[in-house]
Structure formats: C-alpha cells, structure tokens
Amino acid sequence: MPFKKTPSTTAAAALLLALAVAPAASQPARAADSLASCRVIGDATQRLACYDALAAAAANAPAVPTTTATPATPTAPAVPEDPVARFGKEKLPRTEEQQAKDDAEQDEEMHSTVASAVALPYRLFAVTLANGQTWVSKEALTFDPKPGDEVRVMHGLFGSYSMVIGRSRPAKATRVN
C-alpha cells in the first residue's frame, strides 16, 4: 500500500515534531491537548503512532520533583516502657515488631495492688490493678478481692498466666487491657 499524504498524516507529523522539540517543563500542560489531537485522527494506525509518540516523549522527559524537601526534625530518644506496664501485654493485639521486642524484654512476674474488682458470673473477677492493667480470672476465686490487696501475676505454661491475690492459691488469668 503506497503512502499517501493526507491532512491527518500531516497533523500527526506536526504533532510528533512539536513533541520532540517541546521543553519538558511545558509537557504536562500540553498533555491534554496532545491527547485530544491524537483522538481526532481517523486512521487507527496513525492514531496509534500518535499515542506511541506521546508515550515515548513522556518516558524521555526528565523527572520533575513533585514535593519540596523539608528539613529533618530531630526525634526524641525512645523512652523504654516500664516492665510492669508491659507485663502480659503480649496477649493483646499488636504488630510482629512489637511482639518480638516485648518477648525479648519480658519479665517473669509482676507485682501490684488491687485498685478495684468487679464480680463476674461463676465467681470470676475482673481485677483492675494500681498500674492500670485489668486482669480477668479464668478460675473461680474463693474470696472477693479488696482494694489494696497485694497481687502477683506470673507466667505459666504455654503462654498462660497465674494471678495470686493476697495469700490465695494461684488462679489462671488473662489480661484484657
């Protein structure tokens, strides 16, 4: 098929020439006009060549920074969390990074006092400690915890915890906050 010079091929050639010599800074402003020029070309092959030329010109354009640099702000040194505050926290939802850090720094037991206790069905109790943690007993207690009672929470087997209130026997417990 012989090549014919038509008005659309002339327009496509002019567009290609304009894209080749256009400065990169004005390229984004002309992108919509260039796409509109390609869209009106009737012949599919020429229209595709026009779009290909736009894509090649965009790929060869130097990158223009879109954000301005901000000066780095110094961050305060991390303050290690109180061991008592993080005791039992490994059962609470958290990221893998937090879990690895907490596991490395975990203590074997924690001491506090009862701040308040709420009776639950079946002689279970929700005990809020002086340090703000709340533990729920998973086994029935034989007495009612009172504010000021000494509490000791220890690691048990397979990730469990035992809570001793006063001189009572240990009862399985779970931290809820």
C-alpha atoms as a PDB file:
ATOM      1  CA  MET A   1       0.000   0.000   0.000  1.00  0.00           C
ATOM      2  CA  PRO A   2       1.596   3.259  -1.046  1.00  0.00           C
ATOM      3  CA  PHE A   3       1.955   6.037   1.479  1.00  0.00           C
ATOM      4  CA  LYS A   4      -0.444   8.921   0.865  1.00  0.00           C
ATOM      5  CA  LYS A   5      -0.001  12.332   2.306  1.00  0.00           C
ATOM      6  CA  THR A   6      -3.304  13.248   3.887  1.00  0.00           C
ATOM      7  CA  PRO A   7      -4.283  16.056   6.237  1.00  0.00           C
ATOM      8  CA  SER A   8      -4.305  13.608   9.169  1.00  0.00           C
ATOM      9  CA  THR A   9      -0.759  12.385   8.437  1.00  0.00           C
ATOM     10  CA  THR A  10       0.396  15.972   8.218  1.00  0.00           C
ATOM     11  CA  ALA A  11      -1.247  16.703  11.568  1.00  0.00           C
ATOM     12  CA  ALA A  12       0.364  13.613  13.089  1.00  0.00           C
ATOM     13  CA  ALA A  13       3.784  14.596  11.721  1.00  0.00           C
ATOM     14  CA  ALA A  14       3.381  18.131  13.051  1.00  0.00           C
ATOM     15  CA  LEU A  15       2.355  16.764  16.442  1.00  0.00           C
ATOM     16  CA  LEU A  16       5.385  14.453  16.546  1.00  0.00           C
ATOM     17  CA  LEU A  17       7.677  17.323  15.668  1.00  0.00           C
ATOM     18  CA  ALA A  18       6.076  19.538  18.337  1.00  0.00           C
ATOM     19  CA  LEU A  19       6.518  16.831  20.938  1.00  0.00           C
ATOM     20  CA  ALA A  20      10.143  16.314  20.024  1.00  0.00           C
ATOM     21  CA  VAL A  21      11.096  19.954  20.461  1.00  0.00           C
ATOM     22  CA  ALA A  22       8.736  20.912  23.316  1.00  0.00           C
ATOM     23  CA  PRO A  23      10.521  21.628  26.590  1.00  0.00           C
ATOM     24  CA  ALA A  24       9.875  19.067  29.316  1.00  0.00           C
ATOM     25  CA  ALA A  25       8.516  21.638  31.768  1.00  0.00           C
ATOM     26  CA  SER A  26       5.615  22.556  29.478  1.00  0.00           C
ATOM     27  CA  GLN A  27       4.897  18.902  28.613  1.00  0.00           C
ATOM     28  CA  PRO A  28       2.295  18.288  31.381  1.00  0.00           C
ATOM     29  CA  ALA A  29       0.376  21.418  30.366  1.00  0.00           C
ATOM     30  CA  ARG A  30       0.155  20.234  26.761  1.00  0.00           C
ATOM     31  CA  ALA A  31      -0.623  16.593  27.529  1.00  0.00           C
ATOM     32  CA  ALA A  32      -4.395  17.069  27.379  1.00  0.00           C
ATOM     33  CA  ASP A  33      -4.127  18.974  24.068  1.00  0.00           C
ATOM     34  CA  SER A  34      -1.833  16.299  22.645  1.00  0.00           C
ATOM     35  CA  LEU A  35      -4.196  13.511  23.613  1.00  0.00           C
ATOM     36  CA  ALA A  36      -7.098  15.405  22.070  1.00  0.00           C
ATOM     37  CA  SER A  37      -5.083  15.838  18.849  1.00  0.00           C
ATOM     38  CA  CYS A  38      -4.410  12.100  18.681  1.00  0.00           C
ATOM     39  CA  ARG A  39      -8.052  11.265  19.365  1.00  0.00           C
ATOM     40  CA  VAL A  40      -9.308  13.083  16.239  1.00  0.00           C
ATOM     41  CA  ILE A  41      -7.034  11.174  13.830  1.00  0.00           C
ATOM     42  CA  GLY A  42      -9.272   8.883  11.754  1.00  0.00           C
ATOM     43  CA  ASP A  43      -6.801   6.174  10.685  1.00  0.00           C
ATOM     44  CA  ALA A  44      -6.195   3.663  13.504  1.00  0.00           C
ATOM     45  CA  THR A  45      -2.532   3.104  12.580  1.00  0.00           C
ATOM     46  CA  GLN A  46      -1.755   6.811  12.543  1.00  0.00           C
ATOM     47  CA  ARG A  47      -3.724   7.373  15.771  1.00  0.00           C
ATOM     48  CA  LEU A  48      -1.705   4.604  17.430  1.00  0.00           C
ATOM     49  CA  ALA A  49       1.533   6.149  16.149  1.00  0.00           C
ATOM     50  CA  CYS A  50       0.444   9.460  17.666  1.00  0.00           C
ATOM     51  CA  TYR A  51      -0.247   7.864  21.060  1.00  0.00           C
ATOM     52  CA  ASP A  52       3.060   5.947  20.891  1.00  0.00           C
ATOM     53  CA  ALA A  53       4.889   9.205  20.218  1.00  0.00           C
ATOM     54  CA  LEU A  54       3.220  10.782  23.274  1.00  0.00           C
ATOM     55  CA  ALA A  55       4.254   7.840  25.431  1.00  0.00           C
ATOM     56  CA  ALA A  56       7.845   7.970  24.162  1.00  0.00           C
ATOM     57  CA  ALA A  57       8.041  11.704  24.784  1.00  0.00           C
ATOM     58  CA  ALA A  58       6.714  11.269  28.314  1.00  0.00           C
ATOM     59  CA  ALA A  59       9.218   8.487  29.008  1.00  0.00           C
ATOM     60  CA  ASN A  60      12.136  10.618  27.804  1.00  0.00           C
ATOM     61  CA  ALA A  61      11.092  13.717  29.733  1.00  0.00           C
ATOM     62  CA  PRO A  62      13.237  14.476  32.796  1.00  0.00           C
ATOM     63  CA  ALA A  63      11.547  13.843  36.092  1.00  0.00           C
ATOM     64  CA  VAL A  64      10.127  16.947  37.740  1.00  0.00           C
ATOM     65  CA  PRO A  65      10.144  16.872  41.537  1.00  0.00           C
ATOM     66  CA  THR A  66       6.595  16.965  42.869  1.00  0.00           C
ATOM     67  CA  THR A  67       7.322  17.669  46.529  1.00  0.00           C
ATOM     68  CA  THR A  68       9.531  20.120  48.291  1.00  0.00           C
ATOM     69  CA  ALA A  69      12.170  18.890  50.674  1.00  0.00           C
ATOM     70  CA  THR A  70      11.547  19.552  54.336  1.00  0.00           C
ATOM     71  CA  PRO A  71      14.347  19.762  56.846  1.00  0.00           C
ATOM     72  CA  ALA A  72      14.700  16.688  59.002  1.00  0.00           C
ATOM     73  CA  THR A  73      13.389  17.160  62.515  1.00  0.00           C
ATOM     74  CA  PRO A  74      15.293  15.510  65.308  1.00  0.00           C
ATOM     75  CA  THR A  75      13.370  12.810  67.123  1.00  0.00           C
ATOM     76  CA  ALA A  76      13.415  12.375  70.846  1.00  0.00           C
ATOM     77  CA  PRO A  77      15.175   9.267  72.112  1.00  0.00           C
ATOM     78  CA  ALA A  78      12.800   6.404  72.804  1.00  0.00           C
ATOM     79  CA  VAL A  79      11.882   6.014  76.450  1.00  0.00           C
ATOM     80  CA  PRO A  80      11.754   2.351  77.446  1.00  0.00           C
ATOM     81  CA  GLU A  81       8.356   1.201  78.658  1.00  0.00           C
ATOM     82  CA  ASP A  82       8.001   0.275  82.308  1.00  0.00           C
ATOM     83  CA  PRO A  83       8.360  -3.526  82.715  1.00  0.00           C
ATOM     84  CA  VAL A  84       5.294  -3.613  84.956  1.00  0.00           C
ATOM     85  CA  ALA A  85       3.223  -1.754  82.364  1.00  0.00           C
ATOM     86  CA  ARG A  86       4.102  -4.196  79.591  1.00  0.00           C
ATOM     87  CA  PHE A  87       3.688  -7.365  81.683  1.00  0.00           C
ATOM     88  CA  GLY A  88       1.084  -9.584  79.996  1.00  0.00           C
ATOM     89  CA  LYS A  89       0.829  -7.253  77.027  1.00  0.00           C
ATOM     90  CA  GLU A  90       1.950  -9.970  74.607  1.00  0.00           C
ATOM     91  CA  LYS A  91      -1.591 -11.327  74.594  1.00  0.00           C
ATOM     92  CA  LEU A  92      -3.006  -8.004  73.383  1.00  0.00           C
ATOM     93  CA  PRO A  93      -3.196  -7.341  69.611  1.00  0.00           C
ATOM     94  CA  ARG A  94      -0.020  -5.764  68.197  1.00  0.00           C
ATOM     95  CA  THR A  95       2.419  -5.844  65.289  1.00  0.00           C
ATOM     96  CA  GLU A  96       5.066  -8.519  64.825  1.00  0.00           C
ATOM     97  CA  GLU A  97       7.810  -5.958  65.527  1.00  0.00           C
ATOM     98  CA  GLN A  98       6.202  -5.017  68.838  1.00  0.00           C
ATOM     99  CA  GLN A  99       5.784  -8.692  69.729  1.00  0.00           C
ATOM    100  CA  ALA A 100       9.448  -9.517  69.102  1.00  0.00           C
ATOM    101  CA  LYS A 101      10.572  -6.511  71.153  1.00  0.00           C
ATOM    102  CA  ASP A 102       8.220  -7.336  74.045  1.00  0.00           C
ATOM    103  CA  ASP A 103       9.206 -11.012  74.076  1.00  0.00           C
ATOM    104  CA  ALA A 104      12.878 -10.074  74.374  1.00  0.00           C
ATOM    105  CA  GLU A 105      12.232  -7.763  77.341  1.00  0.00           C
ATOM    106  CA  GLN A 106       9.571  -9.807  79.178  1.00  0.00           C
ATOM    107  CA  ASP A 107       9.816 -10.250  82.950  1.00  0.00           C
ATOM    108  CA  GLU A 108       8.761 -13.474  84.659  1.00  0.00           C
ATOM    109  CA  GLU A 109       6.348 -11.898  87.135  1.00  0.00           C
ATOM    110  CA  MET A 110       4.724  -8.620  88.072  1.00  0.00           C
ATOM    111  CA  HIS A 111       3.658  -7.175  91.447  1.00  0.00           C
ATOM    112  CA  SER A 112       0.936  -4.606  92.074  1.00  0.00           C
ATOM    113  CA  THR A 113      -2.118  -3.974  94.250  1.00  0.00           C
ATOM    114  CA  VAL A 114      -5.847  -4.195  93.588  1.00  0.00           C
ATOM    115  CA  ALA A 115      -7.391  -0.834  92.671  1.00  0.00           C
ATOM    116  CA  SER A 116     -10.872  -2.253  92.082  1.00  0.00           C
ATOM    117  CA  ALA A 117     -12.567  -5.593  91.449  1.00  0.00           C
ATOM    118  CA  VAL A 118     -15.812  -6.427  89.665  1.00  0.00           C
ATOM    119  CA  ALA A 119     -17.580  -9.734  90.314  1.00  0.00           C
ATOM    120  CA  LEU A 120     -18.486 -11.734  87.216  1.00  0.00           C
ATOM    121  CA  PRO A 121     -20.649 -14.860  86.971  1.00  0.00           C
ATOM    122  CA  TYR A 122     -19.287 -18.155  88.382  1.00  0.00           C
ATOM    123  CA  ARG A 123     -17.085 -16.401  90.985  1.00  0.00           C
ATOM    124  CA  LEU A 124     -14.807 -14.942  88.323  1.00  0.00           C
ATOM    125  CA  PHE A 125     -13.486 -11.405  88.811  1.00  0.00           C
ATOM    126  CA  ALA A 126     -12.229  -8.540  86.669  1.00  0.00           C
ATOM    127  CA  VAL A 127      -9.432  -7.029  88.733  1.00  0.00           C
ATOM    128  CA  THR A 128      -8.056  -3.582  87.905  1.00  0.00           C
ATOM    129  CA  LEU A 129      -4.583  -3.089  89.325  1.00  0.00           C
ATOM    130  CA  ALA A 130      -2.950   0.076  90.624  1.00  0.00           C
ATOM    131  CA  ASN A 131      -0.811   0.220  87.451  1.00  0.00           C
ATOM    132  CA  GLY A 132      -3.955   0.448  85.245  1.00  0.00           C
ATOM    133  CA  GLN A 133      -3.938  -3.119  83.927  1.00  0.00           C
ATOM    134  CA  THR A 134      -7.132  -5.162  84.069  1.00  0.00           C
ATOM    135  CA  TRP A 135      -6.935  -8.929  84.528  1.00  0.00           C
ATOM    136  CA  VAL A 136      -9.871 -11.347  84.430  1.00  0.00           C
ATOM    137  CA  SER A 137      -9.678 -14.568  86.391  1.00  0.00           C
ATOM    138  CA  LYS A 138     -10.373 -17.709  84.373  1.00  0.00           C
ATOM    139  CA  GLU A 139     -10.883 -19.799  87.506  1.00  0.00           C
ATOM    140  CA  ALA A 140     -13.279 -19.210  90.384  1.00  0.00           C
ATOM    141  CA  LEU A 141     -11.850 -17.323  93.345  1.00  0.00           C
ATOM    142  CA  THR A 142     -12.774 -18.425  96.854  1.00  0.00           C
ATOM    143  CA  PHE A 143     -12.851 -14.841  98.192  1.00  0.00           C
ATOM    144  CA  ASP A 144     -13.644 -11.335  96.985  1.00  0.00           C
ATOM    145  CA  PRO A 145     -10.555  -9.239  96.145  1.00  0.00           C
ATOM    146  CA  LYS A 146     -10.485  -5.925  98.009  1.00  0.00           C
ATOM    147  CA  PRO A 147      -8.722  -2.669  97.047  1.00  0.00           C
ATOM    148  CA  GLY A 148      -5.211  -2.638  98.437  1.00  0.00           C
ATOM    149  CA  ASP A 149      -4.717  -6.448  98.298  1.00  0.00           C
ATOM    150  CA  GLU A 150      -1.294  -7.469  97.003  1.00  0.00           C
ATOM    151  CA  VAL A 151      -1.342  -9.059  93.512  1.00  0.00           C
ATOM    152  CA  ARG A 152       1.328 -11.159  91.865  1.00  0.00           C
ATOM    153  CA  VAL A 153       0.913 -12.248  88.224  1.00  0.00           C
ATOM    154  CA  MET A 154       3.310 -14.896  86.899  1.00  0.00           C
ATOM    155  CA  HIS A 155       3.952 -16.556  83.565  1.00  0.00           C
ATOM    156  CA  GLY A 156       2.521 -20.055  83.347  1.00  0.00           C
ATOM    157  CA  LEU A 157       2.891 -22.844  80.836  1.00  0.00           C
ATOM    158  CA  PHE A 158       2.041 -22.411  77.148  1.00  0.00           C
ATOM    159  CA  GLY A 159       1.622 -18.642  77.376  1.00  0.00           C
ATOM    160  CA  SER A 160      -0.825 -18.672  80.274  1.00  0.00           C
ATOM    161  CA  TYR A 161      -0.767 -16.503  83.401  1.00  0.00           C
ATOM    162  CA  SER A 162      -1.485 -17.210  87.044  1.00  0.00           C
ATOM    163  CA  MET A 163      -2.681 -14.490  89.397  1.00  0.00           C
ATOM    164  CA  VAL A 164      -2.200 -14.666  93.171  1.00  0.00           C
ATOM    165  CA  ILE A 165      -4.178 -12.170  95.262  1.00  0.00           C
ATOM    166  CA  GLY A 166      -3.021 -11.873  98.841  1.00  0.00           C
ATOM    167  CA  ARG A 167      -2.218 -15.353 100.197  1.00  0.00           C
ATOM    168  CA  SER A 168      -4.744 -17.158  97.983  1.00  0.00           C
ATOM    169  CA  ARG A 169      -3.982 -20.038  95.693  1.00  0.00           C
ATOM    170  CA  PRO A 170      -2.954 -19.143  92.111  1.00  0.00           C
ATOM    171  CA  ALA A 171      -5.796 -18.771  89.608  1.00  0.00           C
ATOM    172  CA  LYS A 172      -5.434 -18.621  85.818  1.00  0.00           C
ATOM    173  CA  ALA A 173      -5.981 -15.101  84.480  1.00  0.00           C
ATOM    174  CA  THR A 174      -5.982 -13.140  81.225  1.00  0.00           C
ATOM    175  CA  ARG A 175      -5.059  -9.519  80.692  1.00  0.00           C
ATOM    176  CA  VAL A 176      -7.760  -7.532  78.876  1.00  0.00           C
ATOM    177  CA  ASN A 177      -6.095  -4.105  78.670  1.00  0.00           C
END
